[in-house]
Amino acid sequence: MSVQDPNRLSISDWTLTELSSALAIKLRTRQIDAPQRAMGLTLFNQLVSSTFTVLPVTGAHFRTAAKYVDLHAPGLRAADALHLAVAVDHGATLHTLDRRLAQAGPALGAATLLVS
């Protein structure tokens, strides 16, 4: 485990995947067009490189996430469990807009903060 600098914002490699997926959905549903998706990815990648530490996701994180889902079966999504596993491993506080995720974290050893 490596504890993160509390003054440095972090995301995981999984966040990059989720953003790409969200933009792909918006493209498929015609909420944005291909140039807008490309611009969004470019801007996000610039933001990531200038602002965030990117935490790697390992096989151990996926296995821990599976255990979290088993322990907190009512409503914890696999993607959320993976975010929690990475946060716990790196000693990071997970900031979220998702009330269910914020509530699930402490029971699994993850510090969470519900952002309103």
PDB file of N, CA and C in Angstrom:
ATOM      1  N   MET A   1       0.848  -1.183   0.000  1.00  0.00           N
ATOM      2  CA  MET A   1       0.000   0.000   0.000  1.00  0.00           C
ATOM      3  C   MET A   1       0.891   1.243   0.000  1.00  0.00           C
ATOM      4  N   SER A   2       0.487   2.218  -0.793  1.00  0.00           N
ATOM      5  CA  SER A   2       1.191   3.507  -0.779  1.00  0.00           C
ATOM      6  C   SER A   2       0.165   4.585  -0.448  1.00  0.00           C
ATOM      7  N   VAL A   3       0.471   5.383   0.546  1.00  0.00           N
ATOM      8  CA  VAL A   3      -0.458   6.432   0.963  1.00  0.00           C
ATOM      9  C   VAL A   3      -0.244   7.656   0.082  1.00  0.00           C
ATOM     10  N   GLN A   4      -1.330   8.193  -0.426  1.00  0.00           N
ATOM     11  CA  GLN A   4      -1.274   9.329  -1.328  1.00  0.00           C
ATOM     12  C   GLN A   4      -1.116  10.644  -0.579  1.00  0.00           C
ATOM     13  N   ASP A   5      -0.487  11.595  -1.233  1.00  0.00           N
ATOM     14  CA  ASP A   5      -0.361  12.951  -0.715  1.00  0.00           C
ATOM     15  C   ASP A   5      -1.764  13.542  -0.634  1.00  0.00           C
ATOM     16  N   PRO A   6      -2.213  13.959   0.549  1.00  0.00           N
ATOM     17  CA  PRO A   6      -3.587  14.466   0.680  1.00  0.00           C
ATOM     18  C   PRO A   6      -3.836  15.761  -0.090  1.00  0.00           C
ATOM     19  N   ASN A   7      -2.782  16.428  -0.509  1.00  0.00           N
ATOM     20  CA  ASN A   7      -2.945  17.667  -1.268  1.00  0.00           C
ATOM     21  C   ASN A   7      -2.919  17.436  -2.773  1.00  0.00           C
ATOM     22  N   ARG A   8      -2.787  16.189  -3.204  1.00  0.00           N
ATOM     23  CA  ARG A   8      -2.715  15.855  -4.622  1.00  0.00           C
ATOM     24  C   ARG A   8      -3.951  15.058  -5.009  1.00  0.00           C
ATOM     25  N   LEU A   9      -4.625  15.480  -6.057  1.00  0.00           N
ATOM     26  CA  LEU A   9      -5.798  14.754  -6.543  1.00  0.00           C
ATOM     27  C   LEU A   9      -5.352  13.527  -7.323  1.00  0.00           C
ATOM     28  N   SER A  10      -6.073  12.434  -7.126  1.00  0.00           N
ATOM     29  CA  SER A  10      -5.747  11.183  -7.806  1.00  0.00           C
ATOM     30  C   SER A  10      -6.990  10.611  -8.461  1.00  0.00           C
ATOM     31  N   ILE A  11      -6.768   9.927  -9.551  1.00  0.00           N
ATOM     32  CA  ILE A  11      -7.796   9.107 -10.184  1.00  0.00           C
ATOM     33  C   ILE A  11      -7.119   7.790 -10.514  1.00  0.00           C
ATOM     34  N   SER A  12      -7.895   6.805 -10.865  1.00  0.00           N
ATOM     35  CA  SER A  12      -7.294   5.536 -11.259  1.00  0.00           C
ATOM     36  C   SER A  12      -7.388   5.370 -12.768  1.00  0.00           C
ATOM     37  N   ASP A  13      -6.632   4.414 -13.271  1.00  0.00           N
ATOM     38  CA  ASP A  13      -6.738   4.074 -14.688  1.00  0.00           C
ATOM     39  C   ASP A  13      -8.177   3.710 -15.052  1.00  0.00           C
ATOM     40  N   TRP A  14      -8.910   3.184 -14.081  1.00  0.00           N
ATOM     41  CA  TRP A  14     -10.311   2.813 -14.323  1.00  0.00           C
ATOM     42  C   TRP A  14     -11.157   4.035 -14.667  1.00  0.00           C
ATOM     43  N   THR A  15     -10.848   5.182 -14.084  1.00  0.00           N
ATOM     44  CA  THR A  15     -11.569   6.418 -14.372  1.00  0.00           C
ATOM     45  C   THR A  15     -11.427   6.783 -15.845  1.00  0.00           C
ATOM     46  N   LEU A  16     -10.244   6.557 -16.398  1.00  0.00           N
ATOM     47  CA  LEU A  16     -10.026   6.832 -17.814  1.00  0.00           C
ATOM     48  C   LEU A  16     -10.945   5.964 -18.677  1.00  0.00           C
ATOM     49  N   THR A  17     -11.088   4.699 -18.288  1.00  0.00           N
ATOM     50  CA  THR A  17     -11.973   3.783 -19.008  1.00  0.00           C
ATOM     51  C   THR A  17     -13.420   4.238 -18.900  1.00  0.00           C
ATOM     52  N   GLU A  18     -13.832   4.622 -17.704  1.00  0.00           N
ATOM     53  CA  GLU A  18     -15.217   5.055 -17.514  1.00  0.00           C
ATOM     54  C   GLU A  18     -15.536   6.313 -18.311  1.00  0.00           C
ATOM     55  N   LEU A  19     -14.612   7.257 -18.375  1.00  0.00           N
ATOM     56  CA  LEU A  19     -14.871   8.456 -19.152  1.00  0.00           C
ATOM     57  C   LEU A  19     -14.991   8.118 -20.637  1.00  0.00           C
ATOM     58  N   SER A  20     -14.102   7.294 -21.148  1.00  0.00           N
ATOM     59  CA  SER A  20     -14.190   6.894 -22.556  1.00  0.00           C
ATOM     60  C   SER A  20     -15.520   6.216 -22.849  1.00  0.00           C
ATOM     61  N   SER A  21     -15.952   5.367 -21.941  1.00  0.00           N
ATOM     62  CA  SER A  21     -17.231   4.682 -22.107  1.00  0.00           C
ATOM     63  C   SER A  21     -18.399   5.666 -22.098  1.00  0.00           C
ATOM     64  N   ALA A  22     -18.371   6.624 -21.176  1.00  0.00           N
ATOM     65  CA  ALA A  22     -19.453   7.615 -21.091  1.00  0.00           C
ATOM     66  C   ALA A  22     -19.540   8.439 -22.374  1.00  0.00           C
ATOM     67  N   LEU A  23     -18.394   8.829 -22.898  1.00  0.00           N
ATOM     68  CA  LEU A  23     -18.406   9.607 -24.141  1.00  0.00           C
ATOM     69  C   LEU A  23     -18.857   8.749 -25.325  1.00  0.00           C
ATOM     70  N   ALA A  24     -18.496   7.474 -25.337  1.00  0.00           N
ATOM     71  CA  ALA A  24     -18.938   6.575 -26.403  1.00  0.00           C
ATOM     72  C   ALA A  24     -20.461   6.407 -26.377  1.00  0.00           C
ATOM     73  N   ILE A  25     -21.029   6.310 -25.185  1.00  0.00           N
ATOM     74  CA  ILE A  25     -22.491   6.208 -25.059  1.00  0.00           C
ATOM     75  C   ILE A  25     -23.151   7.469 -25.600  1.00  0.00           C
ATOM     76  N   LYS A  26     -22.604   8.620 -25.233  1.00  0.00           N
ATOM     77  CA  LYS A  26     -23.166   9.891 -25.728  1.00  0.00           C
ATOM     78  C   LYS A  26     -23.058   9.977 -27.248  1.00  0.00           C
ATOM     79  N   LEU A  27     -21.994   9.449 -27.817  1.00  0.00           N
ATOM     80  CA  LEU A  27     -21.843   9.437 -29.267  1.00  0.00           C
ATOM     81  C   LEU A  27     -22.875   8.504 -29.904  1.00  0.00           C
ATOM     82  N   ARG A  28     -23.022   7.300 -29.349  1.00  0.00           N
ATOM     83  CA  ARG A  28     -23.996   6.332 -29.891  1.00  0.00           C
ATOM     84  C   ARG A  28     -25.415   6.847 -29.809  1.00  0.00           C
ATOM     85  N   THR A  29     -25.735   7.580 -28.754  1.00  0.00           N
ATOM     86  CA  THR A  29     -27.100   8.092 -28.578  1.00  0.00           C
ATOM     87  C   THR A  29     -27.280   9.471 -29.212  1.00  0.00           C
ATOM     88  N   ARG A  30     -26.268   9.893 -29.951  1.00  0.00           N
ATOM     89  CA  ARG A  30     -26.291  11.148 -30.704  1.00  0.00           C
ATOM     90  C   ARG A  30     -26.448  12.402 -29.835  1.00  0.00           C
ATOM     91  N   GLN A  31     -25.997  12.308 -28.590  1.00  0.00           N
ATOM     92  CA  GLN A  31     -25.982  13.485 -27.726  1.00  0.00           C
ATOM     93  C   GLN A  31     -24.784  14.369 -28.041  1.00  0.00           C
ATOM     94  N   ILE A  32     -23.741  13.746 -28.608  1.00  0.00           N
ATOM     95  CA  ILE A  32     -22.572  14.471 -29.094  1.00  0.00           C
ATOM     96  C   ILE A  32     -22.171  13.850 -30.434  1.00  0.00           C
ATOM     97  N   ASP A  33     -21.330  14.569 -31.181  1.00  0.00           N
ATOM     98  CA  ASP A  33     -20.825  14.005 -32.438  1.00  0.00           C
ATOM     99  C   ASP A  33     -19.360  13.607 -32.256  1.00  0.00           C
ATOM    100  N   ALA A  34     -18.789  13.000 -33.274  1.00  0.00           N
ATOM    101  CA  ALA A  34     -17.418  12.482 -33.188  1.00  0.00           C
ATOM    102  C   ALA A  34     -16.397  13.578 -32.855  1.00  0.00           C
ATOM    103  N   PRO A  35     -16.480  14.761 -33.491  1.00  0.00           N
ATOM    104  CA  PRO A  35     -15.511  15.800 -33.114  1.00  0.00           C
ATOM    105  C   PRO A  35     -15.650  16.245 -31.646  1.00  0.00           C
ATOM    106  N   GLN A  36     -16.885  16.284 -31.129  1.00  0.00           N
ATOM    107  CA  GLN A  36     -17.079  16.654 -29.726  1.00  0.00           C
ATOM    108  C   GLN A  36     -16.481  15.586 -28.805  1.00  0.00           C
ATOM    109  N   ARG A  37     -16.661  14.311 -29.179  1.00  0.00           N
ATOM    110  CA  ARG A  37     -16.074  13.236 -28.374  1.00  0.00           C
ATOM    111  C   ARG A  37     -14.559  13.354 -28.379  1.00  0.00           C
ATOM    112  N   ALA A  38     -13.975  13.579 -29.547  1.00  0.00           N
ATOM    113  CA  ALA A  38     -12.523  13.715 -29.646  1.00  0.00           C
ATOM    114  C   ALA A  38     -12.031  14.896 -28.813  1.00  0.00           C
ATOM    115  N   MET A  39     -12.766  16.010 -28.859  1.00  0.00           N
ATOM    116  CA  MET A  39     -12.377  17.181 -28.080  1.00  0.00           C
ATOM    117  C   MET A  39     -12.469  16.878 -26.588  1.00  0.00           C
ATOM    118  N   GLY A  40     -13.525  16.192 -26.188  1.00  0.00           N
ATOM    119  CA  GLY A  40     -13.688  15.829 -24.782  1.00  0.00           C
ATOM    120  C   GLY A  40     -12.548  14.954 -24.291  1.00  0.00           C
ATOM    121  N   LEU A  41     -12.160  13.968 -25.101  1.00  0.00           N
ATOM    122  CA  LEU A  41     -11.043  13.100 -24.717  1.00  0.00           C
ATOM    123  C   LEU A  41      -9.732  13.879 -24.631  1.00  0.00           C
ATOM    124  N   THR A  42      -9.506  14.761 -25.593  1.00  0.00           N
ATOM    125  CA  THR A  42      -8.288  15.570 -25.580  1.00  0.00           C
ATOM    126  C   THR A  42      -8.229  16.451 -24.339  1.00  0.00           C
ATOM    127  N   LEU A  43      -9.327  17.144 -24.056  1.00  0.00           N
ATOM    128  CA  LEU A  43      -9.356  18.026 -22.887  1.00  0.00           C
ATOM    129  C   LEU A  43      -9.186  17.240 -21.592  1.00  0.00           C
ATOM    130  N   PHE A  44      -9.841  16.095 -21.506  1.00  0.00           N
ATOM    131  CA  PHE A  44      -9.719  15.286 -20.297  1.00  0.00           C
ATOM    132  C   PHE A  44      -8.282  14.802 -20.124  1.00  0.00           C
ATOM    133  N   ASN A  45      -7.662  14.335 -21.199  1.00  0.00           N
ATOM    134  CA  ASN A  45      -6.283  13.862 -21.102  1.00  0.00           C
ATOM    135  C   ASN A  45      -5.328  14.985 -20.699  1.00  0.00           C
ATOM    136  N   GLN A  46      -5.580  16.190 -21.182  1.00  0.00           N
ATOM    137  CA  GLN A  46      -4.768  17.338 -20.761  1.00  0.00           C
ATOM    138  C   GLN A  46      -4.964  17.613 -19.272  1.00  0.00           C
ATOM    139  N   LEU A  47      -6.210  17.562 -18.822  1.00  0.00           N
ATOM    140  CA  LEU A  47      -6.509  17.776 -17.410  1.00  0.00           C
ATOM    141  C   LEU A  47      -5.834  16.714 -16.553  1.00  0.00           C
ATOM    142  N   VAL A  48      -5.905  15.483 -16.990  1.00  0.00           N
ATOM    143  CA  VAL A  48      -5.284  14.392 -16.237  1.00  0.00           C
ATOM    144  C   VAL A  48      -3.782  14.617 -16.109  1.00  0.00           C
ATOM    145  N   SER A  49      -3.127  14.942 -17.218  1.00  0.00           N
ATOM    146  CA  SER A  49      -1.670  15.078 -17.172  1.00  0.00           C
ATOM    147  C   SER A  49      -1.216  16.290 -16.367  1.00  0.00           C
ATOM    148  N   SER A  50      -2.066  17.317 -16.271  1.00  0.00           N
ATOM    149  CA  SER A  50      -1.649  18.520 -15.543  1.00  0.00           C
ATOM    150  C   SER A  50      -2.135  18.565 -14.097  1.00  0.00           C
ATOM    151  N   THR A  51      -3.088  17.730 -13.742  1.00  0.00           N
ATOM    152  CA  THR A  51      -3.740  17.877 -12.451  1.00  0.00           C
ATOM    153  C   THR A  51      -3.689  16.640 -11.562  1.00  0.00           C
ATOM    154  N   PHE A  52      -3.780  15.475 -12.124  1.00  0.00           N
ATOM    155  CA  PHE A  52      -3.986  14.262 -11.345  1.00  0.00           C
ATOM    156  C   PHE A  52      -2.775  13.343 -11.318  1.00  0.00           C
ATOM    157  N   THR A  53      -2.685  12.592 -10.237  1.00  0.00           N
ATOM    158  CA  THR A  53      -1.841  11.411 -10.190  1.00  0.00           C
ATOM    159  C   THR A  53      -2.736  10.262 -10.632  1.00  0.00           C
ATOM    160  N   VAL A  54      -2.271   9.456 -11.560  1.00  0.00           N
ATOM    161  CA  VAL A  54      -3.068   8.318 -12.025  1.00  0.00           C
ATOM    162  C   VAL A  54      -2.582   7.067 -11.306  1.00  0.00           C
ATOM    163  N   LEU A  55      -3.486   6.466 -10.551  1.00  0.00           N
ATOM    164  CA  LEU A  55      -3.174   5.261  -9.783  1.00  0.00           C
ATOM    165  C   LEU A  55      -3.416   4.032 -10.656  1.00  0.00           C
ATOM    166  N   PRO A  56      -2.471   3.108 -10.691  1.00  0.00           N
ATOM    167  CA  PRO A  56      -2.662   1.909 -11.504  1.00  0.00           C
ATOM    168  C   PRO A  56      -3.718   0.999 -10.897  1.00  0.00           C
ATOM    169  N   VAL A  57      -4.348   0.217 -11.759  1.00  0.00           N
ATOM    170  CA  VAL A  57      -5.307  -0.799 -11.335  1.00  0.00           C
ATOM    171  C   VAL A  57      -4.662  -2.154 -11.612  1.00  0.00           C
ATOM    172  N   THR A  58      -4.648  -2.997 -10.594  1.00  0.00           N
ATOM    173  CA  THR A  58      -3.990  -4.303 -10.707  1.00  0.00           C
ATOM    174  C   THR A  58      -4.999  -5.433 -10.616  1.00  0.00           C
ATOM    175  N   GLY A  59      -4.532  -6.616 -10.902  1.00  0.00           N
ATOM    176  CA  GLY A  59      -5.371  -7.795 -10.746  1.00  0.00           C
ATOM    177  C   GLY A  59      -5.869  -7.947  -9.317  1.00  0.00           C
ATOM    178  N   ALA A  60      -5.022  -7.579  -8.359  1.00  0.00           N
ATOM    179  CA  ALA A  60      -5.416  -7.653  -6.946  1.00  0.00           C
ATOM    180  C   ALA A  60      -6.591  -6.715  -6.667  1.00  0.00           C
ATOM    181  N   HIS A  61      -6.608  -5.558  -7.321  1.00  0.00           N
ATOM    182  CA  HIS A  61      -7.737  -4.632  -7.134  1.00  0.00           C
ATOM    183  C   HIS A  61      -9.037  -5.254  -7.644  1.00  0.00           C
ATOM    184  N   PHE A  62      -8.972  -5.951  -8.780  1.00  0.00           N
ATOM    185  CA  PHE A  62     -10.178  -6.601  -9.302  1.00  0.00           C
ATOM    186  C   PHE A  62     -10.658  -7.698  -8.351  1.00  0.00           C
ATOM    187  N   ARG A  63      -9.722  -8.457  -7.779  1.00  0.00           N
ATOM    188  CA  ARG A  63     -10.114  -9.510  -6.834  1.00  0.00           C
ATOM    189  C   ARG A  63     -10.708  -8.911  -5.562  1.00  0.00           C
ATOM    190  N   THR A  64     -10.129  -7.833  -5.070  1.00  0.00           N
ATOM    191  CA  THR A  64     -10.677  -7.163  -3.890  1.00  0.00           C
ATOM    192  C   THR A  64     -12.053  -6.606  -4.194  1.00  0.00           C
ATOM    193  N   ALA A  65     -12.224  -6.022  -5.376  1.00  0.00           N
ATOM    194  CA  ALA A  65     -13.532  -5.481  -5.770  1.00  0.00           C
ATOM    195  C   ALA A  65     -14.587  -6.587  -5.786  1.00  0.00           C
ATOM    196  N   ALA A  66     -14.218  -7.768  -6.260  1.00  0.00           N
ATOM    197  CA  ALA A  66     -15.164  -8.891  -6.270  1.00  0.00           C
ATOM    198  C   ALA A  66     -15.581  -9.252  -4.845  1.00  0.00           C
ATOM    199  N   LYS A  67     -14.625  -9.221  -3.917  1.00  0.00           N
ATOM    200  CA  LYS A  67     -14.955  -9.498  -2.512  1.00  0.00           C
ATOM    201  C   LYS A  67     -15.879  -8.420  -1.956  1.00  0.00           C
ATOM    202  N   TYR A  68     -15.627  -7.163  -2.316  1.00  0.00           N
ATOM    203  CA  TYR A  68     -16.480  -6.072  -1.849  1.00  0.00           C
ATOM    204  C   TYR A  68     -17.911  -6.254  -2.339  1.00  0.00           C
ATOM    205  N   VAL A  69     -18.061  -6.656  -3.583  1.00  0.00           N
ATOM    206  CA  VAL A  69     -19.405  -6.884  -4.123  1.00  0.00           C
ATOM    207  C   VAL A  69     -20.067  -8.034  -3.365  1.00  0.00           C
ATOM    208  N   ASP A  70     -19.305  -9.089  -3.068  1.00  0.00           N
ATOM    209  CA  ASP A  70     -19.856 -10.220  -2.313  1.00  0.00           C
ATOM    210  C   ASP A  70     -20.285  -9.803  -0.915  1.00  0.00           C
ATOM    211  N   LEU A  71     -19.503  -8.935  -0.279  1.00  0.00           N
ATOM    212  CA  LEU A  71     -19.801  -8.495   1.085  1.00  0.00           C
ATOM    213  C   LEU A  71     -20.925  -7.465   1.151  1.00  0.00           C
ATOM    214  N   HIS A  72     -21.068  -6.684   0.108  1.00  0.00           N
ATOM    215  CA  HIS A  72     -22.026  -5.566   0.112  1.00  0.00           C
ATOM    216  C   HIS A  72     -22.973  -5.712  -1.071  1.00  0.00           C
ATOM    217  N   ALA A  73     -23.507  -6.921  -1.230  1.00  0.00           N
ATOM    218  CA  ALA A  73     -24.305  -7.254  -2.402  1.00  0.00           C
ATOM    219  C   ALA A  73     -25.426  -6.280  -2.716  1.00  0.00           C
ATOM    220  N   PRO A  74     -26.111  -5.695  -1.735  1.00  0.00           N
ATOM    221  CA  PRO A  74     -27.240  -4.842  -2.116  1.00  0.00           C
ATOM    222  C   PRO A  74     -26.811  -3.545  -2.778  1.00  0.00           C
ATOM    223  N   GLY A  75     -26.658  -3.609  -4.077  1.00  0.00           N
ATOM    224  CA  GLY A  75     -26.507  -2.383  -4.831  1.00  0.00           C
ATOM    225  C   GLY A  75     -25.114  -1.889  -5.131  1.00  0.00           C
ATOM    226  N   LEU A  76     -24.052  -2.536  -4.661  1.00  0.00           N
ATOM    227  CA  LEU A  76     -22.711  -2.054  -4.981  1.00  0.00           C
ATOM    228  C   LEU A  76     -22.333  -2.577  -6.364  1.00  0.00           C
ATOM    229  N   ARG A  77     -22.150  -1.653  -7.289  1.00  0.00           N
ATOM    230  CA  ARG A  77     -21.805  -2.018  -8.660  1.00  0.00           C
ATOM    231  C   ARG A  77     -20.328  -2.390  -8.742  1.00  0.00           C
ATOM    232  N   ALA A  78     -20.003  -3.233  -9.707  1.00  0.00           N
ATOM    233  CA  ALA A  78     -18.623  -3.685  -9.885  1.00  0.00           C
ATOM    234  C   ALA A  78     -17.667  -2.509 -10.076  1.00  0.00           C
ATOM    235  N   ALA A  79     -18.051  -1.550 -10.893  1.00  0.00           N
ATOM    236  CA  ALA A  79     -17.176  -0.393 -11.144  1.00  0.00           C
ATOM    237  C   ALA A  79     -16.931   0.391  -9.867  1.00  0.00           C
ATOM    238  N   ASP A  80     -17.958   0.556  -9.051  1.00  0.00           N
ATOM    239  CA  ASP A  80     -17.803   1.279  -7.792  1.00  0.00           C
ATOM    240  C   ASP A  80     -16.911   0.496  -6.826  1.00  0.00           C
ATOM    241  N   ALA A  81     -17.085  -0.820  -6.793  1.00  0.00           N
ATOM    242  CA  ALA A  81     -16.245  -1.660  -5.934  1.00  0.00           C
ATOM    243  C   ALA A  81     -14.782  -1.546  -6.353  1.00  0.00           C
ATOM    244  N   LEU A  82     -14.529  -1.438  -7.648  1.00  0.00           N
ATOM    245  CA  LEU A  82     -13.152  -1.292  -8.113  1.00  0.00           C
ATOM    246  C   LEU A  82     -12.567   0.051  -7.673  1.00  0.00           C
ATOM    247  N   HIS A  83     -13.350   1.118  -7.765  1.00  0.00           N
ATOM    248  CA  HIS A  83     -12.880   2.415  -7.266  1.00  0.00           C
ATOM    249  C   HIS A  83     -12.527   2.320  -5.776  1.00  0.00           C
ATOM    250  N   LEU A  84     -13.365   1.654  -5.005  1.00  0.00           N
ATOM    251  CA  LEU A  84     -13.115   1.509  -3.570  1.00  0.00           C
ATOM    252  C   LEU A  84     -11.848   0.700  -3.308  1.00  0.00           C
ATOM    253  N   ALA A  85     -11.654  -0.370  -4.053  1.00  0.00           N
ATOM    254  CA  ALA A  85     -10.466  -1.214  -3.858  1.00  0.00           C
ATOM    255  C   ALA A  85      -9.190  -0.424  -4.119  1.00  0.00           C
ATOM    256  N   VAL A  86      -9.185   0.384  -5.167  1.00  0.00           N
ATOM    257  CA  VAL A  86      -7.999   1.191  -5.479  1.00  0.00           C
ATOM    258  C   VAL A  86      -7.780   2.238  -4.387  1.00  0.00           C
ATOM    259  N   ALA A  87      -8.859   2.886  -3.960  1.00  0.00           N
ATOM    260  CA  ALA A  87      -8.740   3.913  -2.917  1.00  0.00           C
ATOM    261  C   ALA A  87      -8.180   3.321  -1.624  1.00  0.00           C
ATOM    262  N   VAL A  88      -8.700   2.180  -1.204  1.00  0.00           N
ATOM    263  CA  VAL A  88      -8.218   1.545   0.020  1.00  0.00           C
ATOM    264  C   VAL A  88      -6.737   1.198  -0.110  1.00  0.00           C
ATOM    265  N   ASP A  89      -6.359   0.604  -1.228  1.00  0.00           N
ATOM    266  CA  ASP A  89      -4.979   0.180  -1.419  1.00  0.00           C
ATOM    267  C   ASP A  89      -4.005   1.355  -1.370  1.00  0.00           C
ATOM    268  N   HIS A  90      -4.439   2.508  -1.845  1.00  0.00           N
ATOM    269  CA  HIS A  90      -3.551   3.669  -1.899  1.00  0.00           C
ATOM    270  C   HIS A  90      -3.757   4.642  -0.735  1.00  0.00           C
ATOM    271  N   GLY A  91      -4.615   4.284   0.208  1.00  0.00           N
ATOM    272  CA  GLY A  91      -4.846   5.148   1.354  1.00  0.00           C
ATOM    273  C   GLY A  91      -5.482   6.465   0.968  1.00  0.00           C
ATOM    274  N   ALA A  92      -6.275   6.441  -0.087  1.00  0.00           N
ATOM    275  CA  ALA A  92      -6.901   7.659  -0.603  1.00  0.00           C
ATOM    276  C   ALA A  92      -8.348   7.758  -0.132  1.00  0.00           C
ATOM    277  N   THR A  93      -8.835   8.964  -0.028  1.00  0.00           N
ATOM    278  CA  THR A  93     -10.252   9.202   0.251  1.00  0.00           C
ATOM    279  C   THR A  93     -10.974   9.307  -1.075  1.00  0.00           C
ATOM    280  N   LEU A  94     -12.029   8.528  -1.226  1.00  0.00           N
ATOM    281  CA  LEU A  94     -12.802   8.544  -2.459  1.00  0.00           C
ATOM    282  C   LEU A  94     -13.883   9.616  -2.359  1.00  0.00           C
ATOM    283  N   HIS A  95     -13.832  10.590  -3.240  1.00  0.00           N
ATOM    284  CA  HIS A  95     -14.842  11.651  -3.310  1.00  0.00           C
ATOM    285  C   HIS A  95     -15.864  11.243  -4.362  1.00  0.00           C
ATOM    286  N   THR A  96     -17.135  11.329  -4.026  1.00  0.00           N
ATOM    287  CA  THR A  96     -18.167  10.867  -4.943  1.00  0.00           C
ATOM    288  C   THR A  96     -19.446  11.679  -4.811  1.00  0.00           C
ATOM    289  N   LEU A  97     -20.204  11.698  -5.874  1.00  0.00           N
ATOM    290  CA  LEU A  97     -21.551  12.283  -5.864  1.00  0.00           C
ATOM    291  C   LEU A  97     -22.601  11.217  -5.569  1.00  0.00           C
ATOM    292  N   ASP A  98     -22.168   9.960  -5.525  1.00  0.00           N
ATOM    293  CA  ASP A  98     -23.063   8.810  -5.378  1.00  0.00           C
ATOM    294  C   ASP A  98     -23.225   8.456  -3.892  1.00  0.00           C
ATOM    295  N   ARG A  99     -24.411   8.715  -3.368  1.00  0.00           N
ATOM    296  CA  ARG A  99     -24.682   8.466  -1.951  1.00  0.00           C
ATOM    297  C   ARG A  99     -24.457   7.001  -1.577  1.00  0.00           C
ATOM    298  N   ARG A 100     -24.912   6.086  -2.418  1.00  0.00           N
ATOM    299  CA  ARG A 100     -24.765   4.654  -2.113  1.00  0.00           C
ATOM    300  C   ARG A 100     -23.292   4.267  -2.038  1.00  0.00           C
ATOM    301  N   LEU A 101     -22.497   4.784  -2.946  1.00  0.00           N
ATOM    302  CA  LEU A 101     -21.062   4.503  -2.929  1.00  0.00           C
ATOM    303  C   LEU A 101     -20.408   5.087  -1.680  1.00  0.00           C
ATOM    304  N   ALA A 102     -20.763   6.309  -1.336  1.00  0.00           N
ATOM    305  CA  ALA A 102     -20.199   6.952  -0.143  1.00  0.00           C
ATOM    306  C   ALA A 102     -20.555   6.168   1.121  1.00  0.00           C
ATOM    307  N   GLN A 103     -21.751   5.613   1.172  1.00  0.00           N
ATOM    308  CA  GLN A 103     -22.177   4.853   2.353  1.00  0.00           C
ATOM    309  C   GLN A 103     -21.520   3.478   2.413  1.00  0.00           C
ATOM    310  N   ALA A 104     -21.254   2.884   1.256  1.00  0.00           N
ATOM    311  CA  ALA A 104     -20.663   1.538   1.225  1.00  0.00           C
ATOM    312  C   ALA A 104     -19.189   1.561   1.640  1.00  0.00           C
ATOM    313  N   GLY A 105     -18.496   2.632   1.321  1.00  0.00           N
ATOM    314  CA  GLY A 105     -17.059   2.690   1.533  1.00  0.00           C
ATOM    315  C   GLY A 105     -16.577   2.402   2.935  1.00  0.00           C
ATOM    316  N   PRO A 106     -17.052   3.114   3.949  1.00  0.00           N
ATOM    317  CA  PRO A 106     -16.523   2.906   5.302  1.00  0.00           C
ATOM    318  C   PRO A 106     -16.657   1.470   5.811  1.00  0.00           C
ATOM    319  N   ALA A 107     -17.733   0.802   5.480  1.00  0.00           N
ATOM    320  CA  ALA A 107     -17.913  -0.585   5.920  1.00  0.00           C
ATOM    321  C   ALA A 107     -16.871  -1.511   5.293  1.00  0.00           C
ATOM    322  N   LEU A 108     -16.291  -1.075   4.181  1.00  0.00           N
ATOM    323  CA  LEU A 108     -15.289  -1.874   3.481  1.00  0.00           C
ATOM    324  C   LEU A 108     -13.876  -1.374   3.729  1.00  0.00           C
ATOM    325  N   GLY A 109     -13.739  -0.398   4.609  1.00  0.00           N
ATOM    326  CA  GLY A 109     -12.424   0.137   4.943  1.00  0.00           C
ATOM    327  C   GLY A 109     -11.979   1.307   4.096  1.00  0.00           C
ATOM    328  N   ALA A 110     -12.893   1.863   3.310  1.00  0.00           N
ATOM    329  CA  ALA A 110     -12.550   2.981   2.430  1.00  0.00           C
ATOM    330  C   ALA A 110     -13.056   4.288   3.021  1.00  0.00           C
ATOM    331  N   ALA A 111     -12.189   5.272   3.079  1.00  0.00           N
ATOM    332  CA  ALA A 111     -12.622   6.613   3.465  1.00  0.00           C
ATOM    333  C   ALA A 111     -13.342   7.224   2.266  1.00  0.00           C
ATOM    334  N   THR A 112     -14.542   7.715   2.500  1.00  0.00           N
ATOM    335  CA  THR A 112     -15.302   8.328   1.412  1.00  0.00           C
ATOM    336  C   THR A 112     -15.818   9.698   1.850  1.00  0.00           C
ATOM    337  N   LEU A 113     -16.064  10.540   0.854  1.00  0.00           N
ATOM    338  CA  LEU A 113     -16.612  11.849   1.098  1.00  0.00           C
ATOM    339  C   LEU A 113     -17.698  12.104   0.060  1.00  0.00           C
ATOM    340  N   LEU A 114     -18.919  12.310   0.528  1.00  0.00           N
ATOM    341  CA  LEU A 114     -20.024  12.618  -0.366  1.00  0.00           C
ATOM    342  C   LEU A 114     -19.935  14.097  -0.725  1.00  0.00           C
ATOM    343  N   VAL A 115     -19.785  14.359  -2.008  1.00  0.00           N
ATOM    344  CA  VAL A 115     -19.675  15.728  -2.507  1.00  0.00           C
ATOM    345  C   VAL A 115     -21.056  16.168  -2.971  1.00  0.00           C
ATOM    346  N   SER A 116     -21.481  17.321  -2.497  1.00  0.00           N
ATOM    347  CA  SER A 116     -22.816  17.772  -2.908  1.00  0.00           C
ATOM    348  C   SER A 116     -22.745  18.964  -3.811  1.00  0.00           C
TER     349      SER A 116
END
